[in-house]
Amino acid sequence: MITERRAKSTLTPFELNCGDELKFVLLNGKTVSIRLLRTWFEVVKTDLDGFDLPKRGAKTVYRFFCELDINNKKYCLEREIPTQRSFYEPWEIEGARIWFDAISGIFKDKGGILLEKSQYTVSNGILVKRDQPGSIKCCPLKDARFAIQDATLGICPEKLHPWCPLPEGGLKIENCYRGEDCWMGTYDGMLAHEGLDINHPDGTPLWAPFDIDDQYYFNSLAMGHNNNRWRGVRKWDDGSVWIIQSHHITELIVPEHTPLKKGQHYAKTAGVYVGVVNHSHFAFRIEEEGQGYFLDPWILFWQMYRDT
């Protein structure tokens, strides 16, 4: 399958099966051809005896890889999770900036080791599917998921405001809950963490990282849920829709369903259902071309650090 996309004001998510090709046209008219050749993964170390049941507090470190043909040159991209290398720099190749987000082969139903955290629970020592599973999915629908942008552009046409107080010197993996809760980190050793946790005190402010068209609680204590989970939606002029989420909200300080301006203080956070350490949970989704793509929230924070 060959997919053709053009660079636009916001970054472009895409997925490929092995043998598929993306033809991405840069702003200068040059076409970057990206063909996925293969993917694989390896377990570096684990606290588990096997990948049959998660174990509270366990951690697994793994790497995943892809081999790409880009304009008739071969490249091998590598990711490591959950370590400090989770907060990686994107690749700049042939004038394109490329984020290598995930492979499906790391998940158990594709022969790997991970399960989606929101889809499973342990009951009486048995792993069971949840009656009401969450909506976030780390696993790509195809063999690999990426995002791409013209290397001369940011990920969106606005400079981003910090979503929360940015830790000096960058994000640290040891400050992601117990040191494992980055995007696709191994919660309890084998459950793919469906977002990015950042530890900070109860009452920490959250600001809109860009203008928000609509925002609201989709889960809340008042509705009978175990958490206060917020969602913000922005439709960009190029047609792309960005959906961001922040969980563990202590107090929403603006009325729901009212637009927010970039930098506006909308909530106090890190005080509801936080577990062993106060933290906030961040999630990121892009909808375009009739499909939704969950992506690593680190992409947003990477741009925030560049913009500040």
C-alpha atoms as a PDB file:
ATOM      1  CA  MET A   1       0.000   0.000   0.000  1.00  0.00           C
ATOM      2  CA  ILE A   2       1.227   3.490  -0.887  1.00  0.00           C
ATOM      3  CA  THR A   3      -0.084   6.501   1.051  1.00  0.00           C
ATOM      4  CA  GLU A   4       0.500  10.072  -0.047  1.00  0.00           C
ATOM      5  CA  ARG A   5       0.451  12.988   2.398  1.00  0.00           C
ATOM      6  CA  ARG A   6       1.634  16.590   2.226  1.00  0.00           C
ATOM      7  CA  ALA A   7       3.324  18.606   4.958  1.00  0.00           C
ATOM      8  CA  LYS A   8       0.909  20.927   6.714  1.00  0.00           C
ATOM      9  CA  SER A   9       0.912  23.262   9.697  1.00  0.00           C
ATOM     10  CA  THR A  10       0.556  20.376  12.183  1.00  0.00           C
ATOM     11  CA  LEU A  11       2.485  17.126  12.377  1.00  0.00           C
ATOM     12  CA  THR A  12       1.123  14.115  10.501  1.00  0.00           C
ATOM     13  CA  PRO A  13       0.614  10.740  12.227  1.00  0.00           C
ATOM     14  CA  PHE A  14       0.676   7.594  10.096  1.00  0.00           C
ATOM     15  CA  GLU A  15       0.929   3.824  10.358  1.00  0.00           C
ATOM     16  CA  LEU A  16       2.555   1.292   8.049  1.00  0.00           C
ATOM     17  CA  ASN A  17       2.561  -2.447   7.621  1.00  0.00           C
ATOM     18  CA  CYS A  18       5.797  -4.042   6.479  1.00  0.00           C
ATOM     19  CA  GLY A  19       6.081  -3.356   2.761  1.00  0.00           C
ATOM     20  CA  ASP A  20       3.855  -0.253   2.906  1.00  0.00           C
ATOM     21  CA  GLU A  21       5.167   3.127   1.778  1.00  0.00           C
ATOM     22  CA  LEU A  22       4.448   6.738   2.685  1.00  0.00           C
ATOM     23  CA  LYS A  23       5.174   9.441   0.127  1.00  0.00           C
ATOM     24  CA  PHE A  24       5.436  12.677   2.118  1.00  0.00           C
ATOM     25  CA  VAL A  25       5.723  15.954   0.218  1.00  0.00           C
ATOM     26  CA  LEU A  26       7.718  18.655   2.006  1.00  0.00           C
ATOM     27  CA  LEU A  27       6.961  22.379   1.810  1.00  0.00           C
ATOM     28  CA  ASN A  28       9.675  22.799  -0.843  1.00  0.00           C
ATOM     29  CA  GLY A  29       8.008  20.197  -3.059  1.00  0.00           C
ATOM     30  CA  LYS A  30      10.516  17.415  -2.403  1.00  0.00           C
ATOM     31  CA  THR A  31       8.999  13.955  -1.838  1.00  0.00           C
ATOM     32  CA  VAL A  32      10.311  11.788   0.969  1.00  0.00           C
ATOM     33  CA  SER A  33       9.558   8.113   0.385  1.00  0.00           C
ATOM     34  CA  ILE A  34       9.423   5.983   3.548  1.00  0.00           C
ATOM     35  CA  ARG A  35       8.936   2.216   3.261  1.00  0.00           C
ATOM     36  CA  LEU A  36       8.740  -0.032   6.321  1.00  0.00           C
ATOM     37  CA  LEU A  37      10.894  -3.128   5.886  1.00  0.00           C
ATOM     38  CA  ARG A  38      10.594  -4.874   9.269  1.00  0.00           C
ATOM     39  CA  THR A  39      10.063  -4.401  13.018  1.00  0.00           C
ATOM     40  CA  TRP A  40      11.259  -6.320  16.091  1.00  0.00           C
ATOM     41  CA  PHE A  41      11.760  -5.960  19.848  1.00  0.00           C
ATOM     42  CA  GLU A  42      13.878  -7.288  22.708  1.00  0.00           C
ATOM     43  CA  VAL A  43      13.471  -7.446  26.487  1.00  0.00           C
ATOM     44  CA  VAL A  44      16.467  -5.845  28.216  1.00  0.00           C
ATOM     45  CA  LYS A  45      15.529  -6.791  31.794  1.00  0.00           C
ATOM     46  CA  THR A  46      12.447  -7.536  33.859  1.00  0.00           C
ATOM     47  CA  ASP A  47      11.355  -8.126  37.451  1.00  0.00           C
ATOM     48  CA  LEU A  48       8.747 -10.652  36.276  1.00  0.00           C
ATOM     49  CA  ASP A  49       9.231 -14.414  36.284  1.00  0.00           C
ATOM     50  CA  GLY A  50       7.155 -14.568  33.086  1.00  0.00           C
ATOM     51  CA  PHE A  51       4.701 -12.459  31.149  1.00  0.00           C
ATOM     52  CA  ASP A  52       1.549 -14.225  32.314  1.00  0.00           C
ATOM     53  CA  LEU A  53       0.544 -11.888  35.151  1.00  0.00           C
ATOM     54  CA  PRO A  54       1.533  -8.336  36.105  1.00  0.00           C
ATOM     55  CA  LYS A  55       3.163  -7.866  39.507  1.00  0.00           C
ATOM     56  CA  ARG A  56       2.675  -4.728  41.592  1.00  0.00           C
ATOM     57  CA  GLY A  57       5.681  -2.440  41.279  1.00  0.00           C
ATOM     58  CA  ALA A  58       7.491  -4.637  38.755  1.00  0.00           C
ATOM     59  CA  LYS A  59       9.360  -3.007  35.882  1.00  0.00           C
ATOM     60  CA  THR A  60      10.391  -4.303  32.478  1.00  0.00           C
ATOM     61  CA  VAL A  61      12.802  -2.485  30.176  1.00  0.00           C
ATOM     62  CA  TYR A  62      12.454  -3.241  26.475  1.00  0.00           C
ATOM     63  CA  ARG A  63      13.628  -1.946  23.115  1.00  0.00           C
ATOM     64  CA  PHE A  64      11.835  -1.907  19.805  1.00  0.00           C
ATOM     65  CA  PHE A  65      13.224  -1.316  16.336  1.00  0.00           C
ATOM     66  CA  CYS A  66      12.250  -0.708  12.755  1.00  0.00           C
ATOM     67  CA  GLU A  67      14.158  -0.848   9.500  1.00  0.00           C
ATOM     68  CA  LEU A  68      13.129   1.770   6.950  1.00  0.00           C
ATOM     69  CA  ASP A  69      13.977   2.491   3.342  1.00  0.00           C
ATOM     70  CA  ILE A  70      13.971   6.285   3.018  1.00  0.00           C
ATOM     71  CA  ASN A  71      14.665   7.579  -0.483  1.00  0.00           C
ATOM     72  CA  ASN A  72      16.538   4.354  -1.282  1.00  0.00           C
ATOM     73  CA  LYS A  73      18.726   4.436   1.835  1.00  0.00           C
ATOM     74  CA  LYS A  74      18.245   2.052   4.756  1.00  0.00           C
ATOM     75  CA  TYR A  75      17.886   3.308   8.311  1.00  0.00           C
ATOM     76  CA  CYS A  76      17.390   1.451  11.604  1.00  0.00           C
ATOM     77  CA  LEU A  77      15.454   3.358  14.281  1.00  0.00           C
ATOM     78  CA  GLU A  78      15.586   2.220  17.912  1.00  0.00           C
ATOM     79  CA  ARG A  79      13.531   3.121  20.991  1.00  0.00           C
ATOM     80  CA  GLU A  80      14.041   2.092  24.653  1.00  0.00           C
ATOM     81  CA  ILE A  81      11.282   2.167  27.287  1.00  0.00           C
ATOM     82  CA  PRO A  82      10.921   2.949  30.206  1.00  0.00           C
ATOM     83  CA  THR A  83      14.306   4.589  30.765  1.00  0.00           C
ATOM     84  CA  GLN A  84      15.610   8.126  30.328  1.00  0.00           C
ATOM     85  CA  ARG A  85      15.912   7.258  26.630  1.00  0.00           C
ATOM     86  CA  SER A  86      12.096   7.298  26.486  1.00  0.00           C
ATOM     87  CA  PHE A  87      12.419  11.079  26.151  1.00  0.00           C
ATOM     88  CA  TYR A  88      14.085  10.887  22.774  1.00  0.00           C
ATOM     89  CA  GLU A  89      14.951  13.286  19.980  1.00  0.00           C
ATOM     90  CA  PRO A  90      13.125  12.698  16.695  1.00  0.00           C
ATOM     91  CA  TRP A  91      15.138  11.765  13.630  1.00  0.00           C
ATOM     92  CA  GLU A  92      15.740  14.367  10.908  1.00  0.00           C
ATOM     93  CA  ILE A  93      16.191  12.607   7.567  1.00  0.00           C
ATOM     94  CA  GLU A  94      15.898  14.023   4.040  1.00  0.00           C
ATOM     95  CA  GLY A  95      14.309  17.232   5.342  1.00  0.00           C
ATOM     96  CA  ALA A  96      11.648  15.451   7.424  1.00  0.00           C
ATOM     97  CA  ARG A  97      11.404  15.141  11.197  1.00  0.00           C
ATOM     98  CA  ILE A  98      10.286  11.607  12.109  1.00  0.00           C
ATOM     99  CA  TRP A  99       8.914  10.309  15.411  1.00  0.00           C
ATOM    100  CA  PHE A 100       9.007   6.513  15.838  1.00  0.00           C
ATOM    101  CA  ASP A 101       6.118   6.000  18.242  1.00  0.00           C
ATOM    102  CA  ALA A 102       5.262   2.284  18.583  1.00  0.00           C
ATOM    103  CA  ILE A 103       5.144  -1.172  17.013  1.00  0.00           C
ATOM    104  CA  SER A 104       2.292  -3.644  17.344  1.00  0.00           C
ATOM    105  CA  GLY A 105       4.690  -6.595  17.678  1.00  0.00           C
ATOM    106  CA  ILE A 106       5.492  -5.688  21.295  1.00  0.00           C
ATOM    107  CA  PHE A 107       1.895  -6.562  22.320  1.00  0.00           C
ATOM    108  CA  LYS A 108       0.894 -10.050  23.434  1.00  0.00           C
ATOM    109  CA  ASP A 109      -1.726 -10.684  20.750  1.00  0.00           C
ATOM    110  CA  LYS A 110       1.012 -10.009  18.186  1.00  0.00           C
ATOM    111  CA  GLY A 111       3.581 -12.252  19.885  1.00  0.00           C
ATOM    112  CA  GLY A 112       4.995  -9.702  22.330  1.00  0.00           C
ATOM    113  CA  ILE A 113       4.822  -9.054  26.070  1.00  0.00           C
ATOM    114  CA  LEU A 114       2.532  -6.053  26.687  1.00  0.00           C
ATOM    115  CA  LEU A 115      -1.159  -5.694  27.441  1.00  0.00           C
ATOM    116  CA  GLU A 116      -3.148  -2.461  27.355  1.00  0.00           C
ATOM    117  CA  LYS A 117      -3.413  -1.162  30.932  1.00  0.00           C
ATOM    118  CA  SER A 118      -7.028  -0.014  30.622  1.00  0.00           C
ATOM    119  CA  GLN A 119      -8.202  -3.280  29.053  1.00  0.00           C
ATOM    120  CA  TYR A 120      -7.199  -5.796  31.762  1.00  0.00           C
ATOM    121  CA  THR A 121      -7.274  -6.320  35.510  1.00  0.00           C
ATOM    122  CA  VAL A 122      -6.252  -9.100  37.881  1.00  0.00           C
ATOM    123  CA  SER A 123      -9.018 -10.851  39.840  1.00  0.00           C
ATOM    124  CA  ASN A 124      -8.244 -13.714  42.253  1.00  0.00           C
ATOM    125  CA  GLY A 125      -4.857 -14.185  40.658  1.00  0.00           C
ATOM    126  CA  ILE A 126      -6.304 -14.409  37.139  1.00  0.00           C
ATOM    127  CA  LEU A 127      -5.880 -11.872  34.344  1.00  0.00           C
ATOM    128  CA  VAL A 128      -9.318 -10.862  33.030  1.00  0.00           C
ATOM    129  CA  LYS A 129     -10.653  -8.400  30.478  1.00  0.00           C
ATOM    130  CA  ARG A 130     -12.336  -5.377  32.057  1.00  0.00           C
ATOM    131  CA  ASP A 131     -16.120  -5.100  31.768  1.00  0.00           C
ATOM    132  CA  GLN A 132     -15.768  -1.440  30.809  1.00  0.00           C
ATOM    133  CA  PRO A 133     -12.353  -1.032  29.197  1.00  0.00           C
ATOM    134  CA  GLY A 134     -10.840   2.396  28.641  1.00  0.00           C
ATOM    135  CA  SER A 135     -10.631   3.992  25.220  1.00  0.00           C
ATOM    136  CA  ILE A 136      -6.891   4.743  24.979  1.00  0.00           C
ATOM    137  CA  LYS A 137      -4.950   2.236  22.907  1.00  0.00           C
ATOM    138  CA  CYS A 138      -1.151   2.158  22.730  1.00  0.00           C
ATOM    139  CA  CYS A 139      -1.057  -0.646  20.162  1.00  0.00           C
ATOM    140  CA  PRO A 140      -0.995   0.503  16.519  1.00  0.00           C
ATOM    141  CA  LEU A 141      -3.542  -0.950  14.108  1.00  0.00           C
ATOM    142  CA  LYS A 142      -0.685  -1.682  11.691  1.00  0.00           C
ATOM    143  CA  ASP A 143       2.874  -2.910  12.253  1.00  0.00           C
ATOM    144  CA  ALA A 144       4.274   0.495  13.260  1.00  0.00           C
ATOM    145  CA  ARG A 145       3.102   4.020  14.091  1.00  0.00           C
ATOM    146  CA  PHE A 146       5.016   7.211  13.329  1.00  0.00           C
ATOM    147  CA  ALA A 147       4.515  10.959  13.132  1.00  0.00           C
ATOM    148  CA  ILE A 148       6.221  13.190  10.582  1.00  0.00           C
ATOM    149  CA  GLN A 149       6.649  16.901   9.960  1.00  0.00           C
ATOM    150  CA  ASP A 150       8.618  19.136   7.651  1.00  0.00           C
ATOM    151  CA  ALA A 151      11.811  19.728   9.629  1.00  0.00           C
ATOM    152  CA  THR A 152      11.511  23.497   9.176  1.00  0.00           C
ATOM    153  CA  LEU A 153       8.263  23.575  11.175  1.00  0.00           C
ATOM    154  CA  GLY A 154       7.175  22.970  14.741  1.00  0.00           C
ATOM    155  CA  ILE A 155       4.522  20.396  15.543  1.00  0.00           C
ATOM    156  CA  CYS A 156       1.835  23.091  15.218  1.00  0.00           C
ATOM    157  CA  PRO A 157       1.644  26.726  14.067  1.00  0.00           C
ATOM    158  CA  GLU A 158       1.476  28.122  17.629  1.00  0.00           C
ATOM    159  CA  LYS A 159       4.327  28.196  20.093  1.00  0.00           C
ATOM    160  CA  LEU A 160       3.260  25.955  22.944  1.00  0.00           C
ATOM    161  CA  HIS A 161       2.773  27.120  26.509  1.00  0.00           C
ATOM    162  CA  PRO A 162       3.914  24.703  29.246  1.00  0.00           C
ATOM    163  CA  TRP A 163       1.047  22.365  30.153  1.00  0.00           C
ATOM    164  CA  CYS A 164       2.343  22.202  33.734  1.00  0.00           C
ATOM    165  CA  PRO A 165       5.463  23.604  35.425  1.00  0.00           C
ATOM    166  CA  LEU A 166       8.231  22.045  33.323  1.00  0.00           C
ATOM    167  CA  PRO A 167      10.905  20.265  35.384  1.00  0.00           C
ATOM    168  CA  GLU A 168      14.205  22.075  35.044  1.00  0.00           C
ATOM    169  CA  GLY A 169      16.581  20.197  32.774  1.00  0.00           C
ATOM    170  CA  GLY A 170      13.865  18.121  31.138  1.00  0.00           C
ATOM    171  CA  LEU A 171      11.610  15.248  32.150  1.00  0.00           C
ATOM    172  CA  LYS A 172      13.177  12.511  34.280  1.00  0.00           C
ATOM    173  CA  ILE A 173      11.936   8.937  34.073  1.00  0.00           C
ATOM    174  CA  GLU A 174      12.330   8.501  37.849  1.00  0.00           C
ATOM    175  CA  ASN A 175       9.631  11.173  38.247  1.00  0.00           C
ATOM    176  CA  CYS A 176       7.079   9.270  36.154  1.00  0.00           C
ATOM    177  CA  TYR A 177       5.092   7.685  39.004  1.00  0.00           C
ATOM    178  CA  ARG A 178       7.401   4.868  40.237  1.00  0.00           C
ATOM    179  CA  GLY A 179       9.834   5.361  37.363  1.00  0.00           C
ATOM    180  CA  GLU A 180       7.934   3.442  34.685  1.00  0.00           C
ATOM    181  CA  ASP A 181       4.904   5.483  33.611  1.00  0.00           C
ATOM    182  CA  CYS A 182       5.982   7.096  30.385  1.00  0.00           C
ATOM    183  CA  TRP A 183       4.037   6.379  27.173  1.00  0.00           C
ATOM    184  CA  MET A 184       3.946   2.581  26.740  1.00  0.00           C
ATOM    185  CA  GLY A 185       5.944   2.166  29.943  1.00  0.00           C
ATOM    186  CA  THR A 186       5.598  -1.176  31.696  1.00  0.00           C
ATOM    187  CA  TYR A 187       3.187  -0.552  34.581  1.00  0.00           C
ATOM    188  CA  ASP A 188       3.427  -3.551  36.952  1.00  0.00           C
ATOM    189  CA  GLY A 189       5.920  -5.082  34.533  1.00  0.00           C
ATOM    190  CA  MET A 190       3.717  -5.760  31.483  1.00  0.00           C
ATOM    191  CA  LEU A 191       0.790  -3.320  31.229  1.00  0.00           C
ATOM    192  CA  ALA A 192       1.342  -0.631  28.603  1.00  0.00           C
ATOM    193  CA  HIS A 193       0.867   2.705  30.342  1.00  0.00           C
ATOM    194  CA  GLU A 194      -1.529   4.706  28.208  1.00  0.00           C
ATOM    195  CA  GLY A 195      -0.116   8.171  28.792  1.00  0.00           C
ATOM    196  CA  LEU A 196       2.677  10.096  30.492  1.00  0.00           C
ATOM    197  CA  ASP A 197       2.773  10.584  34.266  1.00  0.00           C
ATOM    198  CA  ILE A 198       4.629  13.527  35.801  1.00  0.00           C
ATOM    199  CA  ASN A 199       5.033  13.652  39.574  1.00  0.00           C
ATOM    200  CA  HIS A 200       4.247  16.965  41.275  1.00  0.00           C
ATOM    201  CA  PRO A 201       2.398  18.164  44.415  1.00  0.00           C
ATOM    202  CA  ASP A 202      -1.357  18.335  44.869  1.00  0.00           C
ATOM    203  CA  GLY A 203      -2.578  21.720  43.645  1.00  0.00           C
ATOM    204  CA  THR A 204      -0.035  22.037  40.824  1.00  0.00           C
ATOM    205  CA  PRO A 205      -1.450  24.351  38.110  1.00  0.00           C
ATOM    206  CA  LEU A 206      -2.331  23.183  34.618  1.00  0.00           C
ATOM    207  CA  TRP A 207      -2.366  25.663  31.726  1.00  0.00           C
ATOM    208  CA  ALA A 208      -3.748  25.307  28.224  1.00  0.00           C
ATOM    209  CA  PRO A 209      -0.742  24.505  25.988  1.00  0.00           C
ATOM    210  CA  PHE A 210      -2.564  26.037  22.978  1.00  0.00           C
ATOM    211  CA  ASP A 211      -5.981  27.553  22.310  1.00  0.00           C
ATOM    212  CA  ILE A 212      -8.743  25.062  23.166  1.00  0.00           C
ATOM    213  CA  ASP A 213     -12.111  25.070  21.371  1.00  0.00           C
ATOM    214  CA  ASP A 214     -13.954  22.843  23.858  1.00  0.00           C
ATOM    215  CA  GLN A 215     -13.068  21.244  27.191  1.00  0.00           C
ATOM    216  CA  TYR A 216     -14.852  19.155  29.806  1.00  0.00           C
ATOM    217  CA  TYR A 217     -14.696  16.267  32.274  1.00  0.00           C
ATOM    218  CA  PHE A 218     -15.333  12.933  30.560  1.00  0.00           C
ATOM    219  CA  ASN A 219     -14.900  11.133  33.924  1.00  0.00           C
ATOM    220  CA  SER A 220     -15.400  12.689  37.336  1.00  0.00           C
ATOM    221  CA  LEU A 221     -16.060  11.850  40.967  1.00  0.00           C
ATOM    222  CA  ALA A 222     -19.385  13.667  40.627  1.00  0.00           C
ATOM    223  CA  MET A 223     -20.405  11.286  37.832  1.00  0.00           C
ATOM    224  CA  GLY A 224     -19.507   8.276  39.963  1.00  0.00           C
ATOM    225  CA  HIS A 225     -16.064   7.533  38.536  1.00  0.00           C
ATOM    226  CA  ASN A 226     -12.872   7.019  40.548  1.00  0.00           C
ATOM    227  CA  ASN A 227     -11.008   9.948  39.003  1.00  0.00           C
ATOM    228  CA  ASN A 228     -11.397  13.423  37.550  1.00  0.00           C
ATOM    229  CA  ARG A 229     -10.341  13.143  33.911  1.00  0.00           C
ATOM    230  CA  TRP A 230     -10.379  16.199  31.644  1.00  0.00           C
ATOM    231  CA  ARG A 231     -10.369  16.474  27.855  1.00  0.00           C
ATOM    232  CA  GLY A 232      -9.579  19.455  25.631  1.00  0.00           C
ATOM    233  CA  VAL A 233     -10.253  19.632  21.881  1.00  0.00           C
ATOM    234  CA  ARG A 234      -8.692  21.849  19.227  1.00  0.00           C
ATOM    235  CA  LYS A 235      -9.522  21.837  15.518  1.00  0.00           C
ATOM    236  CA  TRP A 236      -6.677  23.369  13.540  1.00  0.00           C
ATOM    237  CA  ASP A 237      -7.121  25.319  10.310  1.00  0.00           C
ATOM    238  CA  ASP A 238      -5.534  22.450   8.333  1.00  0.00           C
ATOM    239  CA  GLY A 239      -8.379  20.145   9.441  1.00  0.00           C
ATOM    240  CA  SER A 240      -6.438  18.138  12.018  1.00  0.00           C
ATOM    241  CA  VAL A 241      -8.155  17.691  15.405  1.00  0.00           C
ATOM    242  CA  TRP A 242      -6.008  17.410  18.526  1.00  0.00           C
ATOM    243  CA  ILE A 243      -7.448  15.924  21.712  1.00  0.00           C
ATOM    244  CA  ILE A 244      -5.500  16.225  24.956  1.00  0.00           C
ATOM    245  CA  GLN A 245      -6.327  14.753  28.350  1.00  0.00           C
ATOM    246  CA  SER A 246      -5.190  15.406  31.911  1.00  0.00           C
ATOM    247  CA  HIS A 247      -6.209  13.124  34.778  1.00  0.00           C
ATOM    248  CA  HIS A 248      -6.115  13.311  38.611  1.00  0.00           C
ATOM    249  CA  ILE A 249      -7.591  16.832  38.536  1.00  0.00           C
ATOM    250  CA  THR A 250      -8.099  18.277  42.022  1.00  0.00           C
ATOM    251  CA  GLU A 251     -10.199  21.235  40.889  1.00  0.00           C
ATOM    252  CA  LEU A 252     -11.398  22.480  37.513  1.00  0.00           C
ATOM    253  CA  ILE A 253     -11.377  26.264  37.836  1.00  0.00           C
ATOM    254  CA  VAL A 254     -13.093  27.188  34.548  1.00  0.00           C
ATOM    255  CA  PRO A 255     -16.630  26.269  33.441  1.00  0.00           C
ATOM    256  CA  GLU A 256     -16.824  23.208  31.210  1.00  0.00           C
ATOM    257  CA  HIS A 257     -17.476  23.685  27.477  1.00  0.00           C
ATOM    258  CA  THR A 258     -15.949  27.154  27.411  1.00  0.00           C
ATOM    259  CA  PRO A 259     -12.983  27.883  25.126  1.00  0.00           C
ATOM    260  CA  LEU A 260      -9.546  28.415  26.654  1.00  0.00           C
ATOM    261  CA  LYS A 261      -6.785  30.705  25.480  1.00  0.00           C
ATOM    262  CA  LYS A 262      -3.234  29.462  25.348  1.00  0.00           C
ATOM    263  CA  GLY A 263      -1.631  29.789  28.782  1.00  0.00           C
ATOM    264  CA  GLN A 264      -4.957  30.020  30.629  1.00  0.00           C
ATOM    265  CA  HIS A 265      -4.948  28.332  34.049  1.00  0.00           C
ATOM    266  CA  TYR A 266      -7.737  25.764  33.837  1.00  0.00           C
ATOM    267  CA  ALA A 267      -7.169  23.339  36.728  1.00  0.00           C
ATOM    268  CA  LYS A 268      -5.337  22.343  39.862  1.00  0.00           C
ATOM    269  CA  THR A 269      -4.041  18.797  39.663  1.00  0.00           C
ATOM    270  CA  ALA A 270      -2.372  15.768  41.238  1.00  0.00           C
ATOM    271  CA  GLY A 271      -4.811  15.223  44.097  1.00  0.00           C
ATOM    272  CA  VAL A 272      -7.368  12.568  43.080  1.00  0.00           C
ATOM    273  CA  TYR A 273      -6.766   8.783  42.896  1.00  0.00           C
ATOM    274  CA  VAL A 274      -3.011   9.282  42.632  1.00  0.00           C
ATOM    275  CA  GLY A 275      -1.798   6.012  44.185  1.00  0.00           C
ATOM    276  CA  VAL A 276       1.600   5.971  45.879  1.00  0.00           C
ATOM    277  CA  VAL A 277       2.807   9.394  44.669  1.00  0.00           C
ATOM    278  CA  ASN A 278       1.045  12.601  43.629  1.00  0.00           C
ATOM    279  CA  HIS A 279       1.143  12.989  39.868  1.00  0.00           C
ATOM    280  CA  SER A 280      -0.755  14.014  36.747  1.00  0.00           C
ATOM    281  CA  HIS A 281      -1.477  11.782  33.769  1.00  0.00           C
ATOM    282  CA  PHE A 282      -1.284  13.285  30.260  1.00  0.00           C
ATOM    283  CA  ALA A 283      -2.613  11.825  26.999  1.00  0.00           C
ATOM    284  CA  PHE A 284      -2.532  12.991  23.359  1.00  0.00           C
ATOM    285  CA  ARG A 285      -4.617  11.986  20.325  1.00  0.00           C
ATOM    286  CA  ILE A 286      -4.804  13.255  16.744  1.00  0.00           C
ATOM    287  CA  GLU A 287      -7.790  12.707  14.457  1.00  0.00           C
ATOM    288  CA  GLU A 288      -7.415  13.219  10.729  1.00  0.00           C
ATOM    289  CA  GLU A 289      -8.068  11.459   7.427  1.00  0.00           C
ATOM    290  CA  GLY A 290     -10.902   9.556   9.120  1.00  0.00           C
ATOM    291  CA  GLN A 291      -8.674   7.886  11.736  1.00  0.00           C
ATOM    292  CA  GLY A 292      -7.573   8.533  15.297  1.00  0.00           C
ATOM    293  CA  TYR A 293      -3.990   8.123  16.496  1.00  0.00           C
ATOM    294  CA  PHE A 294      -2.907   8.062  20.145  1.00  0.00           C
ATOM    295  CA  LEU A 295       0.648   9.369  20.351  1.00  0.00           C
ATOM    296  CA  ASP A 296       3.329   9.870  22.961  1.00  0.00           C
ATOM    297  CA  PRO A 297       2.579  13.052  24.978  1.00  0.00           C
ATOM    298  CA  TRP A 298       6.360  13.524  25.105  1.00  0.00           C
ATOM    299  CA  ILE A 299       6.005  14.970  21.572  1.00  0.00           C
ATOM    300  CA  LEU A 300       4.068  17.887  23.092  1.00  0.00           C
ATOM    301  CA  PHE A 301       6.526  18.325  25.947  1.00  0.00           C
ATOM    302  CA  TRP A 302       9.475  18.133  23.530  1.00  0.00           C
ATOM    303  CA  GLN A 303       7.986  21.084  21.664  1.00  0.00           C
ATOM    304  CA  MET A 304       7.202  22.937  24.912  1.00  0.00           C
ATOM    305  CA  TYR A 305      10.841  22.736  25.960  1.00  0.00           C
ATOM    306  CA  ARG A 306      11.934  24.017  22.541  1.00  0.00           C
ATOM    307  CA  ASP A 307       9.422  26.862  22.655  1.00  0.00           C
ATOM    308  CA  THR A 308      10.403  28.014  26.135  1.00  0.00           C
END
